[in-house]
């Protein structure tokens, strides 16, 4: 006795929860910035770096590429393994995603060292 209405509740609740969390985060971050300004403090130092946003986009790109590679490998494993194909997809997506985040970390570390060295040479 599955009611179609019950099948749609989980995605709707998940979407509403995610929206509420995002709006709450933005609201509280704004309140924090306003409080810092009222105290005469500069709200900008709360950010890691001025180029941190581009690194976040790069992190998501690395992760998406890793997940894509994991899906391809999972599809290959599904054809090779006659057992449970879900395990092949799941494991390959997690492994490729993890390796992509490790690659991103190495890239970011080298780039930050290069930018810091460049900044010291300018000063």
N, C-alpha and C. Protein backbone atom coordinates (compact mmCIF):
# COMPACT_ATOMS: atom_id res chain seq x y z
N UNK A 1 0.82 -1.18 0.00
CA UNK A 1 0.00 0.00 0.00
C UNK A 1 0.87 1.25 0.00
N UNK A 2 1.44 1.54 -1.10
CA UNK A 2 2.28 2.72 -1.15
C UNK A 2 1.48 3.88 -1.71
N UNK A 3 1.48 4.91 -0.96
CA UNK A 3 0.76 6.11 -1.34
C UNK A 3 1.73 7.02 -2.08
N UNK A 4 1.41 7.48 -3.29
CA UNK A 4 2.34 8.35 -4.03
C UNK A 4 2.69 9.63 -3.27
N UNK A 5 1.79 10.06 -2.42
CA UNK A 5 2.05 11.27 -1.64
C UNK A 5 3.23 11.06 -0.68
N UNK A 6 3.34 9.88 -0.10
CA UNK A 6 4.41 9.58 0.84
C UNK A 6 5.77 9.49 0.14
N UNK A 7 5.77 9.09 -1.11
CA UNK A 7 7.03 8.97 -1.84
C UNK A 7 7.63 10.34 -2.14
N UNK A 8 6.82 11.35 -2.20
CA UNK A 8 7.30 12.69 -2.54
C UNK A 8 7.67 13.51 -1.31
N UNK A 9 7.36 13.04 -0.15
CA UNK A 9 7.60 13.83 1.06
C UNK A 9 9.09 13.95 1.37
N UNK A 10 9.84 12.88 1.22
CA UNK A 10 11.26 12.90 1.57
C UNK A 10 12.03 13.92 0.74
N UNK A 11 11.92 13.94 -0.59
CA UNK A 11 12.65 14.97 -1.34
C UNK A 11 12.22 16.39 -0.99
N UNK A 12 10.93 16.57 -0.74
CA UNK A 12 10.44 17.91 -0.40
C UNK A 12 11.00 18.36 0.94
N UNK A 13 10.99 17.48 1.93
CA UNK A 13 11.52 17.83 3.25
C UNK A 13 13.03 18.06 3.17
N UNK A 14 13.73 17.25 2.39
CA UNK A 14 15.17 17.42 2.22
C UNK A 14 15.48 18.77 1.58
N UNK A 15 14.73 19.12 0.55
CA UNK A 15 14.93 20.41 -0.13
C UNK A 15 14.66 21.57 0.82
N UNK A 16 13.57 21.50 1.56
CA UNK A 16 13.23 22.57 2.49
C UNK A 16 14.27 22.70 3.60
N UNK A 17 14.79 21.57 4.08
CA UNK A 17 15.82 21.59 5.11
C UNK A 17 17.11 22.24 4.59
N UNK A 18 17.50 21.89 3.37
CA UNK A 18 18.71 22.46 2.78
C UNK A 18 18.55 23.96 2.57
N UNK A 19 17.39 24.38 2.09
CA UNK A 19 17.15 25.82 1.90
C UNK A 19 17.16 26.56 3.23
N UNK A 20 16.54 25.98 4.24
CA UNK A 20 16.52 26.62 5.55
C UNK A 20 17.94 26.74 6.12
N UNK A 21 18.73 25.71 5.96
CA UNK A 21 20.11 25.75 6.45
C UNK A 21 20.92 26.82 5.72
N UNK A 22 20.77 26.91 4.40
CA UNK A 22 21.52 27.89 3.63
C UNK A 22 21.11 29.32 4.01
N UNK A 23 19.81 29.55 4.14
CA UNK A 23 19.33 30.89 4.50
C UNK A 23 19.78 31.25 5.92
N UNK A 24 19.72 30.30 6.83
CA UNK A 24 20.16 30.55 8.21
C UNK A 24 21.64 30.88 8.26
N UNK A 25 22.44 30.17 7.49
CA UNK A 25 23.88 30.42 7.46
C UNK A 25 24.16 31.84 6.97
N UNK A 26 23.53 32.22 5.87
CA UNK A 26 23.74 33.55 5.31
C UNK A 26 23.26 34.64 6.29
N UNK A 27 22.13 34.40 6.93
CA UNK A 27 21.58 35.38 7.89
C UNK A 27 22.53 35.56 9.07
N UNK A 28 23.02 34.46 9.62
CA UNK A 28 23.91 34.56 10.77
C UNK A 28 25.26 35.16 10.39
N UNK A 29 25.76 34.86 9.19
CA UNK A 29 27.01 35.46 8.75
C UNK A 29 26.85 36.98 8.60
N UNK A 30 25.70 37.39 8.09
CA UNK A 30 25.43 38.83 7.96
C UNK A 30 25.36 39.49 9.33
N UNK A 31 24.67 38.85 10.27
CA UNK A 31 24.57 39.40 11.63
C UNK A 31 25.96 39.52 12.26
N UNK A 32 26.80 38.53 12.03
CA UNK A 32 28.15 38.57 12.58
C UNK A 32 28.95 39.73 11.99
N UNK A 33 28.85 39.92 10.67
CA UNK A 33 29.55 41.03 10.04
C UNK A 33 29.06 42.38 10.57
N UNK A 34 27.75 42.52 10.73
CA UNK A 34 27.19 43.77 11.25
C UNK A 34 27.70 44.02 12.68
N UNK A 35 27.76 42.98 13.50
CA UNK A 35 28.25 43.13 14.87
C UNK A 35 29.72 43.56 14.88
N UNK A 36 30.53 43.01 13.97
CA UNK A 36 31.93 43.40 13.90
C UNK A 36 32.07 44.86 13.46
N UNK A 37 31.25 45.27 12.52
CA UNK A 37 31.31 46.66 12.06
C UNK A 37 30.89 47.61 13.18
N UNK A 38 29.85 47.25 13.94
CA UNK A 38 29.40 48.09 15.04
C UNK A 38 30.46 48.25 16.12
N UNK A 39 31.29 47.24 16.31
CA UNK A 39 32.36 47.31 17.31
C UNK A 39 33.60 48.00 16.76
N UNK A 40 33.56 48.39 15.49
CA UNK A 40 34.70 49.08 14.90
C UNK A 40 35.76 48.14 14.37
N UNK A 41 35.43 46.88 14.24
CA UNK A 41 36.39 45.90 13.74
C UNK A 41 36.18 45.70 12.24
N UNK A 42 37.22 45.24 11.57
CA UNK A 42 37.14 44.98 10.14
C UNK A 42 36.60 43.57 9.92
N UNK A 43 35.48 43.41 9.22
CA UNK A 43 34.92 42.07 9.04
C UNK A 43 35.64 41.24 7.99
N UNK A 44 36.51 41.82 7.20
CA UNK A 44 37.17 41.06 6.14
C UNK A 44 38.16 40.01 6.63
N UNK A 45 38.89 40.21 7.74
CA UNK A 45 39.84 39.18 8.16
C UNK A 45 39.19 37.84 8.51
N UNK A 46 37.87 37.77 8.58
CA UNK A 46 37.23 36.49 8.86
C UNK A 46 37.39 35.53 7.70
N UNK A 47 37.65 36.06 6.52
CA UNK A 47 37.90 35.20 5.37
C UNK A 47 39.33 34.72 5.39
N UNK A 48 39.54 33.52 4.86
CA UNK A 48 40.86 32.91 4.87
C UNK A 48 41.84 33.73 4.03
N UNK A 49 41.52 33.92 2.78
CA UNK A 49 42.35 34.70 1.88
C UNK A 49 41.45 35.35 0.85
N UNK A 50 42.02 36.26 0.10
CA UNK A 50 41.23 36.91 -0.94
C UNK A 50 41.02 35.98 -2.12
N UNK A 51 41.84 34.97 -2.26
CA UNK A 51 41.69 34.04 -3.38
C UNK A 51 41.10 32.70 -2.91
N UNK A 52 40.54 32.65 -1.72
CA UNK A 52 39.97 31.42 -1.19
C UNK A 52 38.76 30.94 -1.97
N UNK A 53 37.96 31.88 -2.50
CA UNK A 53 36.75 31.49 -3.22
C UNK A 53 37.11 30.73 -4.49
N UNK A 54 38.15 31.15 -5.20
CA UNK A 54 38.52 30.44 -6.42
C UNK A 54 39.05 29.05 -6.09
N UNK A 55 39.70 28.90 -4.94
CA UNK A 55 40.16 27.58 -4.53
C UNK A 55 38.98 26.68 -4.18
N UNK A 56 37.91 27.24 -3.62
CA UNK A 56 36.73 26.44 -3.32
C UNK A 56 36.09 25.92 -4.60
N UNK A 57 36.03 26.74 -5.62
CA UNK A 57 35.48 26.30 -6.91
C UNK A 57 36.37 25.21 -7.48
N UNK A 58 37.67 25.38 -7.36
CA UNK A 58 38.60 24.37 -7.86
C UNK A 58 38.43 23.06 -7.10
N UNK A 59 38.18 23.13 -5.80
CA UNK A 59 37.97 21.93 -5.01
C UNK A 59 36.74 21.17 -5.51
N UNK A 60 35.66 21.89 -5.77
CA UNK A 60 34.44 21.26 -6.27
C UNK A 60 34.70 20.65 -7.66
N UNK A 61 35.48 21.35 -8.48
CA UNK A 61 35.79 20.82 -9.81
C UNK A 61 36.61 19.54 -9.70
N UNK A 62 37.62 19.53 -8.84
CA UNK A 62 38.40 18.31 -8.63
C UNK A 62 37.50 17.17 -8.17
N UNK A 63 36.61 17.46 -7.23
CA UNK A 63 35.72 16.43 -6.70
C UNK A 63 34.77 15.91 -7.77
N UNK A 64 34.23 16.81 -8.59
CA UNK A 64 33.32 16.40 -9.66
C UNK A 64 34.03 15.52 -10.68
N UNK A 65 35.26 15.88 -11.01
CA UNK A 65 36.04 15.06 -11.94
C UNK A 65 36.31 13.69 -11.33
N UNK A 66 36.65 13.68 -10.05
CA UNK A 66 36.89 12.40 -9.37
C UNK A 66 35.65 11.53 -9.33
N UNK A 67 34.49 12.13 -9.07
CA UNK A 67 33.25 11.36 -9.04
C UNK A 67 32.93 10.84 -10.45
N UNK A 68 33.16 11.66 -11.45
CA UNK A 68 32.95 11.22 -12.84
C UNK A 68 33.83 10.04 -13.19
N UNK A 69 35.09 10.10 -12.80
CA UNK A 69 35.99 8.98 -13.04
C UNK A 69 35.51 7.75 -12.27
N UNK A 70 35.03 7.97 -11.05
CA UNK A 70 34.50 6.86 -10.26
C UNK A 70 33.30 6.20 -10.91
N UNK A 71 32.43 6.98 -11.52
CA UNK A 71 31.27 6.41 -12.21
C UNK A 71 31.71 5.59 -13.42
N UNK A 72 32.69 6.09 -14.15
CA UNK A 72 33.20 5.34 -15.31
C UNK A 72 33.83 4.03 -14.86
N UNK A 73 34.65 4.09 -13.82
CA UNK A 73 35.28 2.88 -13.31
C UNK A 73 34.22 1.93 -12.75
N UNK A 74 33.20 2.49 -12.08
CA UNK A 74 32.12 1.67 -11.56
C UNK A 74 31.36 0.95 -12.67
N UNK A 75 31.14 1.64 -13.78
CA UNK A 75 30.50 1.01 -14.94
C UNK A 75 31.35 -0.11 -15.50
N UNK A 76 32.65 0.11 -15.54
CA UNK A 76 33.55 -0.96 -16.00
C UNK A 76 33.51 -2.14 -15.04
N UNK A 77 33.54 -1.87 -13.75
CA UNK A 77 33.51 -2.94 -12.76
C UNK A 77 32.19 -3.69 -12.79
N UNK A 78 31.10 -3.00 -13.13
CA UNK A 78 29.81 -3.67 -13.22
C UNK A 78 29.82 -4.71 -14.33
N UNK A 79 30.52 -4.43 -15.41
CA UNK A 79 30.61 -5.39 -16.51
C UNK A 79 31.57 -6.53 -16.18
N UNK A 80 32.58 -6.26 -15.37
CA UNK A 80 33.57 -7.27 -15.04
C UNK A 80 33.10 -8.15 -13.88
N UNK A 81 32.54 -7.52 -12.85
CA UNK A 81 32.11 -8.25 -11.67
C UNK A 81 30.67 -8.70 -11.87
N UNK A 82 30.44 -9.98 -11.67
CA UNK A 82 29.09 -10.51 -11.85
C UNK A 82 28.31 -10.50 -10.54
N UNK A 83 28.95 -10.13 -9.45
CA UNK A 83 28.29 -10.11 -8.14
C UNK A 83 27.40 -8.89 -8.00
N UNK A 84 27.61 -8.15 -6.95
CA UNK A 84 26.81 -6.98 -6.65
C UNK A 84 27.41 -5.75 -7.31
N UNK A 85 26.79 -5.21 -8.37
CA UNK A 85 27.39 -4.07 -9.08
C UNK A 85 27.35 -2.77 -8.28
N UNK A 86 26.48 -2.70 -7.28
CA UNK A 86 26.39 -1.47 -6.48
C UNK A 86 27.70 -1.23 -5.73
N UNK A 87 28.33 -2.30 -5.28
CA UNK A 87 29.59 -2.17 -4.55
C UNK A 87 30.66 -1.56 -5.44
N UNK A 88 30.71 -1.97 -6.71
CA UNK A 88 31.69 -1.42 -7.64
C UNK A 88 31.51 0.08 -7.83
N UNK A 89 30.27 0.51 -8.04
CA UNK A 89 30.00 1.94 -8.20
C UNK A 89 30.34 2.70 -6.92
N UNK A 90 29.84 2.22 -5.80
CA UNK A 90 30.02 2.91 -4.53
C UNK A 90 31.50 3.06 -4.19
N UNK A 91 32.23 1.97 -4.26
CA UNK A 91 33.65 2.00 -3.90
C UNK A 91 34.45 2.86 -4.86
N UNK A 92 34.20 2.74 -6.15
CA UNK A 92 34.99 3.50 -7.11
C UNK A 92 34.70 5.00 -7.02
N UNK A 93 33.44 5.37 -6.76
CA UNK A 93 33.12 6.79 -6.61
C UNK A 93 33.82 7.36 -5.37
N UNK A 94 33.77 6.64 -4.26
CA UNK A 94 34.41 7.13 -3.05
C UNK A 94 35.93 7.21 -3.21
N UNK A 95 36.53 6.18 -3.81
CA UNK A 95 37.98 6.19 -3.99
C UNK A 95 38.42 7.31 -4.92
N UNK A 96 37.75 7.44 -6.06
CA UNK A 96 38.13 8.49 -7.02
C UNK A 96 37.88 9.87 -6.43
N UNK A 97 36.78 10.04 -5.72
CA UNK A 97 36.51 11.33 -5.08
C UNK A 97 37.56 11.66 -4.02
N UNK A 98 37.94 10.67 -3.23
CA UNK A 98 38.98 10.87 -2.22
C UNK A 98 40.32 11.21 -2.84
N UNK A 99 40.70 10.49 -3.89
CA UNK A 99 41.96 10.79 -4.56
C UNK A 99 41.95 12.18 -5.19
N UNK A 100 40.79 12.58 -5.71
CA UNK A 100 40.72 13.92 -6.30
C UNK A 100 40.88 15.00 -5.23
N UNK A 101 40.33 14.77 -4.03
CA UNK A 101 40.51 15.75 -2.96
C UNK A 101 41.96 15.79 -2.47
N UNK A 102 42.63 14.65 -2.46
CA UNK A 102 44.05 14.62 -2.12
C UNK A 102 44.85 15.39 -3.17
N UNK A 103 44.52 15.20 -4.44
CA UNK A 103 45.20 15.93 -5.52
C UNK A 103 44.95 17.43 -5.37
N UNK A 104 43.73 17.81 -5.03
CA UNK A 104 43.42 19.22 -4.82
C UNK A 104 44.25 19.79 -3.67
N UNK A 105 44.35 19.04 -2.58
CA UNK A 105 45.12 19.50 -1.43
C UNK A 105 46.57 19.76 -1.83
N UNK A 106 47.16 18.83 -2.58
CA UNK A 106 48.54 19.00 -3.01
C UNK A 106 48.67 20.24 -3.90
N UNK A 107 47.72 20.42 -4.82
CA UNK A 107 47.75 21.58 -5.71
C UNK A 107 47.63 22.88 -4.92
N UNK A 108 46.68 22.92 -3.98
CA UNK A 108 46.46 24.14 -3.19
C UNK A 108 47.68 24.47 -2.35
N UNK A 109 48.29 23.45 -1.76
CA UNK A 109 49.47 23.68 -0.94
C UNK A 109 50.61 24.28 -1.76
N UNK A 110 50.84 23.74 -2.96
CA UNK A 110 51.89 24.29 -3.82
C UNK A 110 51.57 25.70 -4.27
N UNK A 111 50.30 25.93 -4.61
CA UNK A 111 49.91 27.26 -5.08
C UNK A 111 50.01 28.30 -3.97
N UNK A 112 49.60 27.95 -2.76
CA UNK A 112 49.71 28.88 -1.64
C UNK A 112 51.17 29.19 -1.32
N UNK A 113 52.03 28.18 -1.41
CA UNK A 113 53.46 28.41 -1.17
C UNK A 113 54.03 29.34 -2.23
N UNK A 114 53.61 29.14 -3.48
CA UNK A 114 54.08 30.01 -4.56
C UNK A 114 53.60 31.44 -4.37
N UNK A 115 52.32 31.60 -4.00
CA UNK A 115 51.78 32.95 -3.79
C UNK A 115 52.43 33.63 -2.59
N UNK A 116 52.70 32.86 -1.53
CA UNK A 116 53.37 33.43 -0.36
C UNK A 116 54.78 33.87 -0.69
N UNK A 117 55.49 33.06 -1.47
CA UNK A 117 56.84 33.42 -1.89
C UNK A 117 56.82 34.67 -2.77
N UNK A 118 55.85 34.75 -3.68
CA UNK A 118 55.69 35.91 -4.54
C UNK A 118 55.37 37.15 -3.72
N UNK A 119 54.54 36.99 -2.70
CA UNK A 119 54.18 38.12 -1.84
C UNK A 119 55.38 38.61 -1.04
N UNK A 120 56.21 37.69 -0.56
CA UNK A 120 57.41 38.08 0.19
C UNK A 120 58.42 38.80 -0.70
N UNK A 121 58.53 38.37 -1.96
CA UNK A 121 59.46 39.01 -2.88
C UNK A 121 59.02 40.42 -3.25
N UNK A 122 57.70 40.67 -3.26
CA UNK A 122 57.19 42.00 -3.57
C UNK A 122 57.40 42.96 -2.41
N UNK A 123 57.42 42.44 -1.20
CA UNK A 123 57.53 43.32 -0.02
C UNK A 123 58.94 43.74 0.27
